[in-house]
Protein backbone atom coordinates (compact mmCIF):
# COMPACT_ATOMS: atom_id res chain seq x y z
CA MET A 1 -1.46 27.51 11.36
CA ASN A 2 -0.26 23.90 10.04
CA SER A 3 0.89 22.75 6.55
CA CYS A 4 -1.20 20.10 4.91
CA ILE A 5 0.79 16.87 4.85
CA VAL A 6 -0.02 16.25 1.13
CA CYS A 7 0.75 19.63 -0.65
CA GLY A 8 2.16 21.77 1.69
CA LYS A 9 -0.18 24.71 1.76
CA ASP A 10 -1.46 26.13 4.95
CA ALA A 11 -3.81 24.05 6.79
CA LYS A 12 -6.02 24.30 9.80
CA ASN A 13 -5.71 20.58 10.65
CA LYS A 14 -3.67 17.69 8.66
CA TYR A 15 -5.24 18.70 4.95
CA CYS A 16 -6.06 21.78 3.76
CA SER A 17 -9.01 20.36 1.38
CA ARG A 18 -10.91 17.38 0.99
CA THR A 19 -9.13 16.58 -1.88
CA CYS A 20 -5.80 16.13 -0.26
CA GLY A 21 -7.35 14.33 2.67
CA GLY A 22 -9.04 11.98 0.09
CA LYS A 23 -5.39 11.56 -1.77
CA ALA A 24 -3.96 10.62 1.34
CA SER A 25 -6.55 8.23 2.39
CA LYS A 26 -6.21 6.30 -1.34
CA GLY A 27 -2.94 4.89 -0.45
CA GLY A 28 0.64 4.81 0.95
CA TYR A 29 2.09 7.95 -0.69
CA ARG A 30 1.52 11.54 -0.12
CA PRO A 31 2.51 13.52 -3.84
CA GLY A 32 5.08 16.17 -3.21
CA SER A 33 5.58 15.54 0.66
CA GLY A 34 9.12 15.06 0.20
CA ARG A 35 12.26 16.90 -1.55
CA ALA A 36 13.07 14.07 -3.86
CA LYS A 37 11.81 14.31 -7.71
CA THR A 38 8.86 12.87 -7.71
CA GLY A 39 5.99 12.37 -10.46
CA TYR A 40 3.82 10.11 -12.50
CA TYR A 41 5.13 6.93 -14.74
CA LYS A 42 2.14 5.44 -16.73
CA GLY A 43 -0.19 6.56 -14.30
CA ILE A 44 1.89 5.24 -11.29
CA TYR A 45 2.81 7.66 -8.76
CA CYS A 46 6.53 7.81 -7.93
CA GLY A 47 7.87 9.36 -5.02
CA SER A 48 11.50 9.49 -5.80
CA THR A 49 13.58 8.37 -8.86
CA TYR A 50 14.35 5.36 -6.74
CA GLU A 51 10.94 4.47 -6.71
CA LEU A 52 10.83 5.32 -10.43
CA CYS A 53 13.18 2.79 -11.67
CA TRP A 54 11.83 0.17 -9.61
CA VAL A 55 8.68 0.64 -11.33
CA ILE A 56 9.78 0.58 -14.40
CA TYR A 57 11.98 -2.36 -13.93
CA GLN A 58 8.83 -4.10 -12.34
CA LEU A 59 6.49 -3.38 -15.60
CA ASP A 60 9.25 -3.95 -18.17
CA HIS A 61 9.73 -7.61 -16.81
CA GLY A 62 6.23 -8.56 -16.09
CA LEU A 63 6.22 -8.29 -12.36
CA ASP A 64 2.74 -7.44 -10.51
CA PHE A 65 2.86 -5.04 -7.87
CA ASN A 66 0.47 -2.06 -6.88
CA ARG A 67 0.30 0.78 -4.48
CA PHE A 68 -0.23 0.12 -1.14
CA GLU A 69 -3.84 0.85 -0.59
CA GLY A 70 -4.81 3.03 2.69
CA PHE A 71 -2.52 2.87 5.64
CA LEU A 72 -1.26 0.69 9.09
CA GLU A 73 -1.78 1.76 12.48
CA PHE A 74 -0.25 0.38 15.53
CA ASN A 75 -0.13 1.99 19.12
CA GLY A 76 -1.82 5.20 17.84
CA LYS A 77 0.76 5.75 14.94
CA LYS A 78 -0.08 5.59 10.97
CA TYR A 79 2.51 4.10 8.48
CA PHE A 80 1.81 4.97 4.57
CA PRO A 81 3.48 1.93 2.87
CA ASP A 82 5.27 2.46 -0.64
CA PHE A 83 3.92 -0.64 -2.64
CA VAL A 84 3.17 -4.61 -2.15
CA GLN A 85 4.37 -7.21 -4.13
CA ASN A 86 3.54 -11.24 -3.43
CA ASN A 87 1.89 -9.92 -0.28
CA LYS A 88 5.07 -8.23 0.81
CA ILE A 89 5.51 -4.51 1.63
CA ILE A 90 8.33 -3.20 -0.46
CA GLU A 91 9.70 -0.06 0.91
CA ILE A 92 12.11 2.13 -1.04
CA LYS A 93 14.24 4.68 0.70
CA GLY A 94 16.75 6.94 -0.10
CA PHE A 95 18.83 8.71 2.96
CA GLU A 96 15.75 8.36 5.41
CA ASP A 97 17.16 7.44 9.16
CA GLN A 98 16.99 3.78 9.81
CA ALA A 99 15.20 3.98 13.16
CA LYS A 100 12.21 5.66 11.37
CA VAL A 101 12.55 2.73 8.86
CA ASP A 102 12.64 0.23 11.79
CA ALA A 103 9.27 2.12 13.50
CA LYS A 104 7.52 1.88 10.14
CA THR A 105 8.76 -1.82 9.83
CA LEU A 106 7.45 -2.53 13.55
CA ILE A 107 3.81 -1.19 12.62
CA ALA A 108 3.86 -3.33 9.38
CA ASN A 109 4.91 -6.63 11.55
CA ASN A 110 2.27 -5.84 14.03
CA ASN A 111 -0.31 -5.50 11.12
CA GLY A 112 0.98 -9.21 9.64
CA TYR A 113 3.05 -7.57 6.72
CA GLU A 114 6.75 -8.84 5.89
CA VAL A 115 8.70 -5.57 4.98
CA VAL A 116 11.47 -5.35 2.19
CA VAL A 117 13.27 -2.35 2.17
CA LEU A 118 15.45 -1.49 -0.78
CA ARG A 119 17.87 1.21 -0.51
CA ALA A 120 20.52 2.53 -3.39
CA ASP A 121 22.65 -0.49 -3.30
CA ASP A 122 19.74 -2.94 -3.60
CA LEU A 123 18.56 -1.07 -6.42
CA GLN A 124 21.58 -1.08 -8.75
CA GLU A 125 20.37 -3.45 -11.51
CA GLU A 126 17.14 -1.31 -11.69
CA PHE A 127 19.13 1.59 -12.19
CA ASN A 128 21.42 -0.01 -14.63
CA TYR A 129 18.56 -1.41 -16.38
CA VAL A 130 16.95 1.91 -16.70
CA LYS A 131 19.98 3.73 -17.69
CA SER A 132 20.72 1.53 -20.60
CA THR A 133 17.41 0.97 -21.83
CA TYR A 134 16.14 4.36 -21.53
CA THR A 135 18.41 7.14 -20.35
CA LYS A 136 20.16 7.98 -17.18
CA ASN A 137 18.32 11.11 -16.96
CA TYR A 138 16.03 9.22 -15.09
CA LYS A 139 13.06 12.11 -14.08
CA SER A 140 12.80 12.79 -17.83
CA LEU A 141 10.65 9.68 -17.94
CA TYR A 142 7.97 10.80 -15.92
CA ASP A 143 4.64 11.46 -17.80
CA GLU A 144 4.40 14.67 -17.21
CA TYR A 145 8.05 15.75 -17.60
CA LYS A 146 9.05 18.98 -19.42
CA PRO A 147 12.49 20.23 -19.78
CA LYS A 148 13.11 23.66 -18.63
CA PHE A 149 15.08 25.26 -21.62
CA GLU A 150 14.35 24.63 -25.36
CA TYR A 151 17.21 24.61 -27.85
CA THR A 152 17.59 24.19 -31.68
CA CYS A 153 20.71 22.08 -32.59
CA ALA A 154 23.52 23.72 -34.24
CA CYS A 155 24.29 20.82 -36.56
CA CYS A 156 20.95 19.11 -37.60
CA GLY A 157 18.22 21.49 -36.62
CA ASN A 158 16.48 19.06 -34.43
CA ILE A 159 14.65 21.12 -31.39
CA PHE A 160 15.49 19.58 -28.00
CA GLY A 161 15.42 20.36 -24.52
CA LYS A 162 17.61 20.77 -21.32
CA ASP A 163 17.05 21.14 -17.84
CA LYS A 164 20.25 23.62 -17.60
CA SER A 165 20.70 26.65 -19.66
CA SER A 166 23.80 26.48 -21.70
CA LYS A 167 26.47 29.12 -21.59
CA TYR A 168 27.56 28.45 -25.32
CA THR A 169 26.26 30.20 -28.69
CA LYS A 170 25.87 27.17 -30.17
CA VAL A 171 23.82 24.01 -28.75
CA TYR A 172 23.89 20.38 -29.98
CA CYS A 173 21.46 17.45 -29.45
CA SER A 174 24.02 14.90 -29.19
CA ARG A 175 27.59 14.08 -29.17
CA SER A 176 27.48 13.05 -32.87
CA CYS A 177 26.16 16.47 -33.73
CA SER A 178 28.93 18.18 -31.67
CA LEU A 179 31.60 16.41 -33.32
CA LYS A 180 30.40 17.49 -36.51
CA GLY A 181 30.00 20.91 -35.96
CA ASN A 182 33.01 21.09 -34.26
CA ARG A 183 34.91 19.75 -37.32
CA VAL A 184 33.13 21.99 -39.51
CA VAL A 185 34.30 24.99 -37.58
CA SER A 186 37.74 23.84 -36.98
CA GLY A 187 38.22 23.49 -40.85
CA HIS A 188 39.75 19.74 -40.12
CA ASN A 189 38.22 17.48 -42.42
CA GLN A 190 35.89 17.63 -45.51
CA TYR A 191 32.61 18.34 -44.17
CA THR A 192 30.57 21.01 -45.13
CA HIS A 193 27.92 22.65 -43.42
CA ARG A 194 25.11 20.84 -45.61
CA GLU A 195 27.05 17.46 -44.60
CA ALA A 196 27.04 18.17 -41.22
CA ALA A 197 23.57 18.97 -40.91
CA GLY A 198 22.77 15.57 -42.98
CA VAL A 199 22.19 16.84 -46.04
CA ALA A 200 23.70 15.13 -49.17
CA ALA A 201 26.60 17.32 -51.04
CA SER A 202 25.57 18.42 -54.48
CA PRO A 203 27.87 15.94 -57.02
CA SER A 204 30.77 17.81 -58.44
CA ASN A 205 30.50 18.92 -62.36
């Protein structure tokens, strides 16, 4: 029994169903086929957080691009490109072996395409932009993102999520709330519990 190259389920051939076969034929991506953090951003599939940051940067700066539709083939080998921009294939890679990247580039070249390969060092501007504009927790920007754990801030009462469980009894939603909460507990300043929670203190008589 083989594994479906789209979803990983048991399959007699390459795909477990017509649905997965259709997904593979629609473009140069196979959701969930790798180990990277994958998801959709504004309806665009991203095969990794590298791709996510690149996509966000392009969208926010009004730069046109598309997912590559279909696949390329040469000498019996198929290649599913990532994106196409200005008639060039944009291939975003993490740790894929260079020999494999070169083999895919050869297929693209023989189909008349120029390939631009972007690795981590080439994406620093995109990473920094997303980090400063949104968050450094890139995966939280996916459309379907939902944190694993939900907490109530011990200072302001806001409900917030975290991907990791906390070992502390009191959890805070921000550094500001953490500082206020810790000052109240230590008694090192004039904050009251109401003030720490952002509620004005009653005027003194």
